[in-house]
N, C-alpha and C. Protein backbone atom coordinates (compact mmCIF):
# COMPACT_ATOMS: atom_id res chain seq x y z
N UNK A 1 47.82 -210.76 -46.88
CA UNK A 1 46.91 -210.09 -47.65
C UNK A 1 45.68 -209.73 -46.48
N UNK A 2 44.98 -208.77 -46.67
CA UNK A 2 44.08 -208.34 -45.65
C UNK A 2 42.56 -208.84 -46.23
N UNK A 3 41.91 -209.03 -45.23
CA UNK A 3 40.42 -209.58 -45.53
C UNK A 3 39.61 -208.68 -46.06
N UNK A 4 40.02 -207.36 -45.86
CA UNK A 4 39.24 -206.18 -46.57
C UNK A 4 39.29 -206.08 -48.21
N UNK A 5 40.46 -206.70 -48.63
CA UNK A 5 40.72 -206.79 -49.99
C UNK A 5 40.07 -207.64 -50.77
N UNK A 6 39.22 -207.21 -51.51
CA UNK A 6 38.50 -208.59 -52.30
C UNK A 6 39.49 -209.42 -53.37
N UNK A 7 39.35 -210.76 -53.20
CA UNK A 7 40.03 -211.47 -54.00
C UNK A 7 39.49 -211.59 -55.51
N UNK A 8 40.16 -212.09 -56.33
CA UNK A 8 39.78 -212.18 -57.63
C UNK A 8 38.80 -213.24 -57.80
N UNK A 9 38.90 -214.26 -56.92
CA UNK A 9 37.70 -215.26 -56.91
C UNK A 9 36.47 -214.69 -56.35
N UNK A 10 36.63 -213.74 -55.33
CA UNK A 10 35.46 -213.18 -54.71
C UNK A 10 34.58 -212.16 -55.68
N UNK A 11 35.56 -211.39 -56.31
CA UNK A 11 34.79 -210.62 -57.36
C UNK A 11 34.23 -211.45 -58.28
N UNK A 12 35.01 -212.35 -58.78
CA UNK A 12 34.34 -213.24 -59.95
C UNK A 12 33.13 -213.83 -59.48
N UNK A 13 33.01 -214.46 -58.25
CA UNK A 13 31.84 -214.95 -57.72
C UNK A 13 30.59 -213.98 -57.33
N UNK A 14 30.92 -212.73 -57.08
CA UNK A 14 30.12 -211.52 -56.93
C UNK A 14 29.38 -211.15 -58.52
N UNK A 15 30.31 -211.22 -59.50
CA UNK A 15 29.91 -210.77 -60.74
C UNK A 15 29.04 -212.04 -61.29
N UNK A 16 29.51 -213.19 -60.98
CA UNK A 16 28.48 -214.31 -61.45
C UNK A 16 27.18 -214.33 -60.75
N UNK A 17 27.16 -214.04 -59.58
CA UNK A 17 25.62 -213.75 -58.96
C UNK A 17 25.01 -212.52 -59.41
N UNK A 18 25.77 -211.36 -59.69
CA UNK A 18 25.18 -210.18 -60.35
C UNK A 18 24.46 -210.61 -61.82
N UNK A 19 25.18 -211.29 -62.65
CA UNK A 19 24.96 -211.64 -64.03
C UNK A 19 23.73 -212.69 -63.79
N UNK A 20 23.72 -213.82 -62.97
CA UNK A 20 22.61 -214.70 -62.98
C UNK A 20 21.44 -213.96 -62.37
N UNK A 21 21.40 -212.97 -61.56
CA UNK A 21 20.35 -212.28 -60.94
C UNK A 21 19.60 -211.36 -62.31
N UNK A 22 20.73 -210.83 -63.01
CA UNK A 22 20.17 -210.02 -64.06
C UNK A 22 19.50 -210.97 -65.21
N UNK A 23 20.02 -211.92 -65.47
CA UNK A 23 19.47 -213.03 -66.24
C UNK A 23 18.09 -213.57 -65.76
N UNK A 24 17.88 -213.85 -64.72
CA UNK A 24 16.73 -214.16 -63.96
C UNK A 24 15.70 -213.02 -64.12
N UNK A 25 16.13 -211.86 -63.89
CA UNK A 25 15.06 -210.60 -63.97
C UNK A 25 14.94 -210.34 -65.44
N UNK A 26 15.80 -210.71 -66.28
CA UNK A 26 15.60 -210.42 -67.82
C UNK A 26 14.41 -211.39 -68.15
N UNK A 27 14.49 -212.74 -68.01
CA UNK A 27 13.58 -213.86 -68.10
C UNK A 27 12.18 -213.29 -67.50
N UNK A 28 12.27 -213.13 -66.28
CA UNK A 28 11.01 -212.59 -65.52
C UNK A 28 10.41 -211.30 -66.69
N UNK A 29 11.28 -210.57 -66.64
CA UNK A 29 10.79 -209.28 -67.67
C UNK A 29 10.21 -209.84 -69.29
N UNK A 30 10.88 -210.60 -69.64
CA UNK A 30 10.37 -211.22 -70.91
C UNK A 30 9.08 -212.11 -70.80
N UNK A 31 8.78 -212.59 -69.68
CA UNK A 31 7.73 -213.34 -69.45
C UNK A 31 6.67 -212.26 -69.46
N UNK A 32 6.86 -211.34 -68.66
CA UNK A 32 5.76 -210.38 -68.49
C UNK A 32 5.39 -209.52 -69.62
N UNK A 33 6.51 -209.21 -70.46
CA UNK A 33 6.35 -208.74 -71.85
C UNK A 33 5.54 -209.49 -72.74
N UNK A 34 5.73 -210.83 -72.75
CA UNK A 34 4.76 -211.74 -73.56
C UNK A 34 3.51 -211.68 -73.14
N UNK A 35 3.33 -211.77 -71.71
CA UNK A 35 2.02 -211.60 -71.32
C UNK A 35 1.16 -210.21 -71.73
N UNK A 36 2.05 -209.32 -71.54
CA UNK A 36 1.37 -208.12 -72.10
C UNK A 36 1.02 -208.06 -73.61
N UNK A 37 2.11 -208.48 -74.32
CA UNK A 37 1.85 -208.69 -75.76
C UNK A 37 0.44 -209.56 -76.35
N UNK A 38 0.18 -210.55 -75.43
CA UNK A 38 -0.95 -211.29 -75.43
C UNK A 38 -2.06 -210.72 -74.95
N UNK A 39 -2.12 -209.73 -74.17
CA UNK A 39 -3.24 -209.09 -73.75
C UNK A 39 -3.48 -208.14 -74.64
N UNK A 40 -2.34 -207.46 -75.12
CA UNK A 40 -2.51 -206.41 -76.26
C UNK A 40 -3.16 -206.92 -77.64
N UNK A 41 -2.85 -208.14 -77.62
CA UNK A 41 -3.61 -209.06 -79.21
C UNK A 41 -5.15 -209.01 -78.78
N UNK A 42 -5.29 -209.58 -77.82
CA UNK A 42 -6.54 -209.86 -77.26
C UNK A 42 -7.54 -208.53 -77.39
N UNK A 43 -6.71 -207.44 -76.81
CA UNK A 43 -7.64 -206.14 -76.92
C UNK A 43 -8.00 -205.63 -78.33
N UNK A 44 -6.89 -206.05 -79.11
CA UNK A 44 -7.09 -205.58 -80.56
C UNK A 44 -8.38 -206.48 -81.04
N UNK A 45 -8.35 -207.65 -80.94
CA UNK A 45 -9.31 -208.51 -81.21
C UNK A 45 -10.85 -208.06 -80.84
N UNK A 46 -10.60 -207.63 -79.60
CA UNK A 46 -12.14 -207.48 -79.02
C UNK A 46 -12.33 -205.93 -79.58
N UNK A 47 -11.39 -205.08 -79.93
CA UNK A 47 -11.89 -203.59 -80.67
C UNK A 47 -12.37 -203.98 -81.94
N UNK A 48 -11.65 -204.96 -82.66
CA UNK A 48 -12.29 -205.22 -84.01
C UNK A 48 -13.56 -205.75 -83.99
N UNK A 49 -13.93 -206.55 -82.94
CA UNK A 49 -15.20 -207.01 -82.81
C UNK A 49 -16.17 -205.98 -82.51
N UNK A 50 -16.00 -205.20 -81.63
CA UNK A 50 -16.93 -204.21 -81.28
C UNK A 50 -17.00 -203.19 -82.48
N UNK A 51 -15.87 -202.85 -83.13
CA UNK A 51 -16.12 -202.17 -84.31
C UNK A 51 -16.99 -202.83 -85.41
N UNK A 52 -16.89 -204.09 -85.57
CA UNK A 52 -17.71 -204.61 -86.44
C UNK A 52 -19.14 -204.69 -85.85
N UNK A 53 -19.35 -204.98 -84.75
CA UNK A 53 -20.67 -204.96 -84.27
C UNK A 53 -21.31 -203.45 -84.14
N UNK A 54 -20.76 -202.38 -83.76
CA UNK A 54 -21.26 -201.09 -83.98
C UNK A 54 -21.55 -200.95 -85.39
N UNK A 55 -20.80 -201.26 -86.41
CA UNK A 55 -21.16 -200.90 -87.59
C UNK A 55 -22.58 -201.68 -88.13
N UNK A 56 -22.68 -202.75 -87.66
CA UNK A 56 -23.83 -203.77 -87.76
C UNK A 56 -25.22 -203.14 -87.23
N UNK A 57 -24.90 -202.54 -86.06
CA UNK A 57 -25.88 -201.95 -85.20
C UNK A 57 -26.34 -200.46 -85.85
N UNK A 58 -25.36 -199.74 -86.24
CA UNK A 58 -25.69 -198.57 -87.21
C UNK A 58 -26.61 -199.22 -88.31
N UNK A 59 -26.11 -199.83 -89.12
CA UNK A 59 -27.09 -200.39 -90.20
C UNK A 59 -28.52 -200.73 -89.93
N UNK A 60 -28.61 -201.49 -88.69
CA UNK A 60 -29.86 -201.97 -88.02
C UNK A 60 -30.55 -200.68 -87.72
N UNK A 61 -30.08 -199.74 -87.20
CA UNK A 61 -30.68 -198.52 -86.56
C UNK A 61 -31.16 -197.78 -87.99
N UNK A 62 -30.52 -197.59 -88.97
CA UNK A 62 -30.90 -197.02 -90.09
C UNK A 62 -32.12 -197.65 -90.74
N UNK A 63 -32.09 -199.09 -90.72
CA UNK A 63 -33.34 -199.74 -91.19
C UNK A 63 -34.30 -199.54 -90.35
N UNK A 64 -34.32 -199.43 -89.14
CA UNK A 64 -35.51 -199.27 -88.22
C UNK A 64 -35.99 -197.79 -88.45
N UNK A 65 -35.14 -196.92 -88.66
CA UNK A 65 -35.53 -195.49 -88.73
C UNK A 65 -36.36 -195.40 -90.19
N UNK A 66 -35.88 -196.07 -91.02
CA UNK A 66 -36.58 -195.85 -92.34
C UNK A 66 -38.00 -196.71 -92.16
N UNK A 67 -37.87 -197.82 -91.50
CA UNK A 67 -39.25 -198.29 -91.45
C UNK A 67 -40.20 -197.51 -90.74
N UNK A 68 -39.66 -196.79 -89.35
CA UNK A 68 -40.49 -196.01 -88.65
C UNK A 68 -41.02 -194.87 -89.58
N UNK A 69 -40.33 -194.22 -90.37
CA UNK A 69 -40.76 -192.94 -91.22
C UNK A 69 -41.93 -193.75 -92.05
N UNK A 70 -41.46 -194.85 -92.63
CA UNK A 70 -42.62 -195.46 -93.57
C UNK A 70 -44.07 -195.74 -93.06
N UNK A 71 -43.80 -196.31 -91.86
CA UNK A 71 -45.20 -196.69 -90.95
C UNK A 71 -45.74 -195.26 -90.45
N UNK A 72 -44.96 -194.27 -90.06
CA UNK A 72 -45.52 -192.96 -89.57
C UNK A 72 -46.37 -192.39 -90.80
N UNK A 73 -45.76 -192.33 -91.89
CA UNK A 73 -46.37 -191.86 -93.20
C UNK A 73 -47.96 -192.46 -93.50
N UNK A 74 -47.75 -193.96 -93.29
CA UNK A 74 -48.77 -194.72 -93.64
C UNK A 74 -49.88 -194.51 -92.65
N UNK A 75 -49.50 -194.33 -91.47
CA UNK A 75 -50.38 -194.13 -90.21
C UNK A 75 -50.91 -192.74 -90.64
N UNK A 76 -50.43 -191.65 -90.74
CA UNK A 76 -50.94 -190.26 -90.97
C UNK A 76 -51.84 -190.27 -92.08
N UNK A 77 -51.36 -191.11 -93.19
CA UNK A 77 -52.23 -191.12 -94.53
C UNK A 77 -53.57 -191.67 -94.11
N UNK A 78 -53.53 -192.97 -93.28
CA UNK A 78 -54.52 -193.55 -93.37
C UNK A 78 -55.54 -192.93 -92.01
N UNK A 79 -54.86 -192.59 -91.08
CA UNK A 79 -55.65 -192.44 -89.74
C UNK A 79 -55.88 -190.96 -89.47
N UNK A 80 -55.14 -190.16 -90.33
CA UNK A 80 -55.17 -188.61 -89.94
C UNK A 80 -56.56 -188.02 -90.06
N UNK A 81 -57.23 -188.41 -91.46
CA UNK A 81 -58.72 -187.79 -91.45
C UNK A 81 -59.69 -188.24 -90.55
N UNK A 82 -59.50 -189.58 -89.98
CA UNK A 82 -60.49 -189.68 -88.59
C UNK A 82 -60.03 -189.04 -87.44
N UNK A 83 -58.74 -188.82 -87.28
CA UNK A 83 -58.34 -188.26 -85.98
C UNK A 83 -58.55 -186.84 -85.92
N UNK A 84 -58.46 -186.06 -87.12
CA UNK A 84 -58.99 -184.64 -86.97
C UNK A 84 -59.97 -184.32 -86.16
N UNK A 85 -61.28 -184.79 -86.45
CA UNK A 85 -62.48 -184.62 -85.97
C UNK A 85 -62.23 -184.89 -84.41
N UNK A 86 -61.77 -185.95 -83.67
CA UNK A 86 -61.66 -186.17 -82.39
C UNK A 86 -60.49 -185.37 -81.73
N UNK A 87 -59.61 -185.14 -82.42
CA UNK A 87 -58.72 -184.20 -81.80
C UNK A 87 -59.17 -182.78 -81.59
N UNK A 88 -59.73 -182.45 -82.58
CA UNK A 88 -60.44 -181.12 -82.35
C UNK A 88 -61.35 -180.97 -81.34
N UNK A 89 -62.23 -182.02 -81.03
CA UNK A 89 -63.14 -182.20 -80.11
C UNK A 89 -62.34 -182.10 -78.59
N UNK A 90 -61.36 -183.00 -78.63
CA UNK A 90 -60.54 -183.01 -77.42
C UNK A 90 -59.96 -181.59 -77.01
N UNK A 91 -59.24 -181.01 -78.00
CA UNK A 91 -58.80 -179.74 -77.74
C UNK A 91 -59.82 -178.73 -77.28
N UNK A 92 -61.02 -178.93 -78.12
CA UNK A 92 -61.91 -177.64 -77.70
C UNK A 92 -62.52 -177.83 -76.22
N UNK A 93 -62.55 -179.26 -75.78
CA UNK A 93 -63.05 -179.63 -74.42
C UNK A 93 -62.05 -179.39 -73.15
N UNK A 94 -60.72 -178.90 -73.51
CA UNK A 94 -59.72 -178.58 -72.61
C UNK A 94 -60.11 -177.62 -71.86
N UNK A 95 -60.58 -176.26 -72.42
CA UNK A 95 -60.95 -175.31 -71.50
C UNK A 95 -62.07 -175.70 -70.55
N UNK A 96 -62.99 -176.48 -70.92
CA UNK A 96 -64.19 -176.74 -69.90
C UNK A 96 -63.70 -177.78 -69.06
N UNK A 97 -62.78 -178.63 -69.54
CA UNK A 97 -62.01 -179.58 -68.42
C UNK A 97 -61.44 -178.90 -67.22
N UNK A 98 -60.59 -178.02 -67.75
CA UNK A 98 -59.85 -177.16 -66.86
C UNK A 98 -60.79 -176.40 -65.80
N UNK A 99 -61.82 -175.79 -66.65
CA UNK A 99 -62.71 -174.90 -65.64
C UNK A 99 -63.47 -175.86 -64.56
N UNK A 100 -63.53 -177.32 -64.74
CA UNK A 100 -64.24 -178.14 -63.98
C UNK A 100 -63.29 -178.57 -62.84
N UNK A 101 -62.07 -178.25 -62.98
CA UNK A 101 -61.07 -178.51 -62.03
C UNK A 101 -60.70 -177.41 -61.13
N UNK A 102 -61.42 -176.34 -61.58
CA UNK A 102 -61.16 -175.09 -60.72
C UNK A 102 -60.10 -174.26 -61.02
N UNK A 103 -59.46 -174.52 -62.35
CA UNK A 103 -58.27 -173.61 -62.67
C UNK A 103 -58.67 -172.50 -63.29
């Protein structure tokens, strides 16, 4: 028998090595898949947290806008009558101030 011709034993040994390599690759891929699944679950949890936090921040923003509007209304109602004469004087003095600057 020629040494070029594979024997049944050599073929079986080669197949055994190939199967073992495939099994190791499969285990390695399974481990990587498990890691990716864990990372995916972590990202889902983080996204849920961000969504919840965003919802809470939207509610805080609505509250702040509402308070700002109320304070602005109270400020205008209380201070506007006193500010009108002051603002009128300031606006009236603008042309004189600009003239003094050489404009």
